[in-house]
Amino acid sequence: MTRPEATAEQCDLSGRDQSGSASASGSGDVHSMFTVLFERSPDALWLLDPETGRVVDCNPSALELLRAAGKEQLLGRTPSDLSPERQPDGRDSREKAAEVMRRSRQEGGARFHWVMRRFDGTDVHVEVVSTTVPAGGRSLHLIISRDITERHRAEQALRESQQILSS
């Protein structure tokens, strides 16, 4: 899949201040490289504000994953806003999201399975890696989501087959 060329000015983590000048926090080349990686990643990438629990940025793959028409559908939302009421383990999505964000903040990251709800109403199983990253004098959570729906279906079918065979 071809990704559009991205520039450092298009990302909050560009290392540029309000005037557009490169900040002293790091090299413009490093920030430009991060921006290109963020925009072109085949995995859905999200930046969440841990204070509000809301999406502050996402990449084009996140839009594709949830079949969103544009970023405006995702920005300002919480993970539970983009999920069914309950996760596969039966827990409330809001409660589980709060726990995962707390764990990520305390431990610097987390890895977990999550179910999201696309804008067309279908559910998608994702493997999530959350990492706390410094950005503009604050910390954000970089969330990497990989669609594992087909793997989940195959594992479920295997479990069902094993149950039938053991009966």
Foldseek 3Di string as FASTA:
>chain_A
DDFDQDALVVDLQQCADPVRDHHPPDDNVVSRVVRRCQQPPCWKKFKADLVLQATQDIYPNVCVVQVNPDCVVRGGDHQLVFAPQAWPVGDGPVVVSNVLSVCCVVVQKDWDWGWGAHPVGDIFIWTWIWGWDDGPNGIIIIITTDTCRVVVVVVVVVVVVVVVVVD
